[in-house]
Amino acid sequence: MAGREYSVADITVLDFDEHVRKRPGMYFGVALGDPRLPTQVLSAVAGHVAHPAASVAEVHSLSAGIDIVGDLCLRVTVDQPHAWQDAPALGYFGSLLGPEWWQPAAAAALCEKASVEMWRDGRGFRQDLAGLRPVSEVEVFDPPTGSGTRMTFTLDPRDLRPGAAFPADLEGIDVHGPYCDAAHGPGRIILRDHRHGTSRRCR
């Protein structure tokens, strides 16, 4: 029996955020509606900070605070030495999240709303997103000292089972995964749950 022939007309090209929503298991290991999804998103974002793209920093070199500020709201603040001069380059759909932050960008794709802030040398830039799509132009803001990135994610409850939330047990968060064999570096990640007043330090 002859195989079916395919043409370009049979191929559907999905934008990055559409692909995340269609195949979330490829990014977070679970499907939409799975009660483990918030935990997997938290682990994936923390893991990306520990294992950033080579263009951002070396493995295990960044320090970050990850704050759970609500059942579906997460804030990530990374001490990141930016290389841009006048302003950061724009990434997906003209947003401040580009491929060097692909895992947080995948998390944003599952969000009802998100925001990104980047700063260095006294200059700060911020932007609001709906999913991964900008809902505002990049704005200038008065930044903290140093150089860094702050991302806030509010997961879309329509993708989750009722009662789904980020986990209360921070000890169960794996920021390295089974394939990490890199030596410990100077970086650290501090997980803080403002709902329960608990914290955990990861290296």
Protein backbone atom coordinates (compact mmCIF):
# COMPACT_ATOMS: atom_id res chain seq x y z
CA MET A 1 0.00 0.00 0.00
CA ALA A 2 1.47 3.31 -1.07
CA GLY A 3 2.12 5.92 1.59
CA ARG A 4 0.28 9.20 1.59
CA GLU A 5 2.02 12.10 -0.06
CA TYR A 6 2.27 15.34 1.88
CA SER A 7 2.65 18.88 0.60
CA VAL A 8 3.21 22.29 2.12
CA ALA A 9 -0.57 22.63 2.37
CA ASP A 10 -0.58 19.79 4.94
CA ILE A 11 1.83 21.62 7.26
CA THR A 12 0.56 23.94 9.99
CA VAL A 13 3.18 26.26 11.44
CA LEU A 14 2.41 27.30 15.01
CA ASP A 15 3.74 30.36 16.75
CA PHE A 16 5.78 29.61 19.86
CA ASP A 17 3.00 30.41 22.33
CA GLU A 18 0.46 28.43 20.32
CA HIS A 19 2.79 25.43 20.37
CA VAL A 20 3.23 25.69 24.15
CA ARG A 21 -0.53 25.68 24.66
CA LYS A 22 -1.05 22.84 22.21
CA ARG A 23 1.83 20.70 23.53
CA PRO A 24 2.56 21.83 27.11
CA GLY A 25 3.95 18.40 27.92
CA MET A 26 6.98 19.18 25.74
CA TYR A 27 7.82 22.12 28.01
CA PHE A 28 6.47 21.13 31.42
CA GLY A 29 5.92 17.38 31.27
CA VAL A 30 2.16 17.54 31.90
CA ALA A 31 -0.97 18.55 30.00
CA LEU A 32 -3.29 21.50 30.49
CA GLY A 33 -5.73 20.70 33.25
CA ASP A 34 -3.26 18.45 35.07
CA PRO A 35 -3.17 19.45 38.77
CA ARG A 36 0.64 19.20 38.69
CA LEU A 37 0.99 21.97 36.09
CA PRO A 38 1.69 24.85 38.55
CA THR A 39 4.40 22.76 40.25
CA GLN A 40 5.96 21.88 36.90
CA VAL A 41 5.93 25.52 35.78
CA LEU A 42 7.67 26.57 39.01
CA SER A 43 10.29 23.82 38.63
CA ALA A 44 10.88 24.66 34.96
CA VAL A 45 11.34 28.38 35.57
CA ALA A 46 13.65 27.77 38.54
CA GLY A 47 15.57 25.20 36.49
CA HIS A 48 16.06 27.67 33.68
CA VAL A 49 17.55 30.20 36.10
CA ALA A 50 19.96 27.51 37.32
CA HIS A 51 20.74 26.45 33.73
CA PRO A 52 20.42 29.60 31.60
CA ALA A 53 21.17 29.91 27.92
CA ALA A 54 24.91 30.18 27.24
CA SER A 55 24.37 33.73 25.95
CA VAL A 56 23.00 34.75 29.37
CA ALA A 57 25.40 33.19 31.88
CA GLU A 58 27.22 30.02 32.85
CA VAL A 59 25.36 27.12 34.45
CA HIS A 60 24.84 27.51 38.22
CA SER A 61 26.16 31.09 38.15
CA LEU A 62 23.02 33.22 38.53
CA SER A 63 21.38 34.16 41.81
CA ALA A 64 17.64 34.63 42.03
CA GLY A 65 14.73 35.04 44.36
CA ILE A 66 11.55 33.21 43.36
CA ASP A 67 8.51 34.41 45.28
CA ILE A 68 5.14 32.68 45.33
CA VAL A 69 2.86 35.65 45.98
CA GLY A 70 -0.47 33.91 45.30
CA ASP A 71 -1.88 30.50 44.48
CA LEU A 72 -1.32 31.16 40.77
CA CYS A 73 1.11 34.11 40.90
CA LEU A 74 4.89 33.78 40.79
CA ARG A 75 7.59 36.48 40.75
CA VAL A 76 11.18 35.74 39.67
CA THR A 77 13.99 38.25 40.26
CA VAL A 78 17.37 37.36 38.75
CA ASP A 79 20.68 39.12 39.35
CA GLN A 80 21.70 39.01 35.71
CA PRO A 81 24.66 40.87 34.16
CA HIS A 82 23.02 42.30 31.04
CA ALA A 83 25.20 42.98 28.02
CA TRP A 84 22.94 45.46 26.19
CA GLN A 85 23.89 49.11 26.05
CA ASP A 86 20.95 51.46 25.40
CA ALA A 87 18.04 49.01 25.70
CA PRO A 88 17.39 45.25 25.62
CA ALA A 89 16.62 43.61 22.31
CA LEU A 90 13.01 42.60 21.78
CA GLY A 91 12.09 38.94 21.49
CA TYR A 92 8.89 36.96 20.93
CA PHE A 93 6.17 39.16 19.36
CA GLY A 94 8.09 42.31 20.26
CA SER A 95 8.23 41.42 23.95
CA LEU A 96 11.12 41.67 26.40
CA LEU A 97 11.21 37.85 26.55
CA GLY A 98 13.38 36.33 23.85
CA PRO A 99 14.73 32.86 23.08
CA GLU A 100 17.47 33.23 25.71
CA TRP A 101 14.62 33.03 28.25
CA TRP A 102 12.61 30.41 26.36
CA GLN A 103 11.40 28.48 29.42
CA PRO A 104 10.03 31.57 31.21
CA ALA A 105 8.56 32.58 27.84
CA ALA A 106 6.81 29.20 27.71
CA ALA A 107 5.47 29.86 31.22
CA ALA A 108 4.19 33.26 30.07
CA ALA A 109 2.30 31.53 27.25
CA LEU A 110 0.16 29.82 29.92
CA CYS A 111 -0.52 33.04 31.80
CA GLU A 112 -3.56 35.23 32.09
CA LYS A 113 -1.13 38.10 32.54
CA ALA A 114 2.61 38.55 32.94
CA SER A 115 5.13 41.36 33.20
CA VAL A 116 8.84 41.67 32.49
CA GLU A 117 11.34 44.19 33.85
CA MET A 118 15.02 44.47 32.87
CA TRP A 119 17.60 46.93 34.13
CA ARG A 120 21.26 47.84 34.24
CA ASP A 121 23.35 50.93 35.00
CA GLY A 122 20.38 52.87 36.33
CA ARG A 123 18.17 52.28 33.26
CA GLY A 124 15.08 50.13 33.51
CA PHE A 125 12.55 48.86 30.98
CA ARG A 126 9.26 47.09 31.65
CA GLN A 127 6.36 45.61 29.70
CA ASP A 128 3.00 43.97 30.41
CA LEU A 129 1.93 40.82 28.59
CA ALA A 130 -1.24 38.79 28.09
CA GLY A 131 0.17 35.32 27.67
CA LEU A 132 3.35 35.98 25.73
CA ARG A 133 1.83 38.80 23.67
CA PRO A 134 2.57 42.42 24.67
CA VAL A 135 -0.38 44.53 25.76
CA SER A 136 1.78 47.60 26.20
CA GLU A 137 4.83 49.18 24.67
CA VAL A 138 8.13 48.87 26.50
CA GLU A 139 8.16 51.56 29.19
CA VAL A 140 11.00 53.16 31.13
CA PHE A 141 10.93 52.78 34.92
CA ASP A 142 13.15 53.69 37.86
CA PRO A 143 15.05 50.42 38.48
CA PRO A 144 16.79 48.86 41.46
CA THR A 145 20.56 49.04 41.66
CA GLY A 146 22.74 46.62 39.72
CA SER A 147 21.67 44.60 36.71
CA GLY A 148 18.81 42.16 36.58
CA THR A 149 15.55 40.76 35.27
CA ARG A 150 12.21 40.44 37.06
CA MET A 151 9.35 38.37 35.64
CA THR A 152 5.89 38.03 37.15
CA PHE A 153 3.57 35.25 35.98
CA THR A 154 -0.13 34.77 36.78
CA LEU A 155 -1.29 31.43 35.42
CA ASP A 156 -4.57 31.36 33.52
CA PRO A 157 -7.09 29.54 35.76
CA ARG A 158 -9.05 28.44 32.69
CA ASP A 159 -6.22 25.99 31.94
CA LEU A 160 -6.27 24.51 35.43
CA ARG A 161 -8.50 22.33 37.53
CA PRO A 162 -10.40 24.15 40.29
CA GLY A 163 -8.20 24.52 43.33
CA ALA A 164 -4.92 24.12 41.43
CA ALA A 165 -2.09 26.15 42.97
CA PHE A 166 1.64 26.43 43.32
CA PRO A 167 2.86 23.82 45.82
CA ALA A 168 3.23 24.46 49.53
CA ASP A 169 6.06 21.90 49.76
CA LEU A 170 9.09 23.73 48.40
CA GLU A 171 11.37 20.79 49.23
CA GLY A 172 9.84 18.92 46.30
CA ILE A 173 10.99 21.48 43.72
CA ASP A 174 13.80 20.12 41.55
CA VAL A 175 15.85 22.92 39.98
CA HIS A 176 18.46 20.65 38.38
CA GLY A 177 16.69 17.70 36.81
CA PRO A 178 18.09 14.23 36.12
CA TYR A 179 20.58 15.28 33.44
CA CYS A 180 22.48 18.02 35.28
CA ASP A 181 26.07 16.96 35.92
CA ALA A 182 27.60 20.44 36.11
CA ALA A 183 29.69 21.36 39.12
CA HIS A 184 28.24 23.67 41.76
CA GLY A 185 28.76 27.34 40.97
CA PRO A 186 28.41 30.63 42.82
CA GLY A 187 24.71 30.96 42.00
CA ARG A 188 21.86 30.32 44.39
CA ILE A 189 18.08 30.30 44.17
CA ILE A 190 15.93 31.20 47.14
CA LEU A 191 12.32 30.03 46.95
CA ARG A 192 9.91 31.96 49.18
CA ASP A 193 6.24 31.17 49.71
CA HIS A 194 4.55 34.32 50.97
CA ARG A 195 1.29 32.42 51.50
CA HIS A 196 2.79 30.22 54.21
CA GLY A 197 5.90 32.12 55.30
CA THR A 198 8.28 29.35 54.23
CA SER A 199 11.50 29.45 52.20
CA ARG A 200 14.10 27.15 50.75
CA ARG A 201 17.59 27.82 49.44
CA CYS A 202 18.81 25.86 46.40
CA ARG A 203 22.30 25.69 44.90
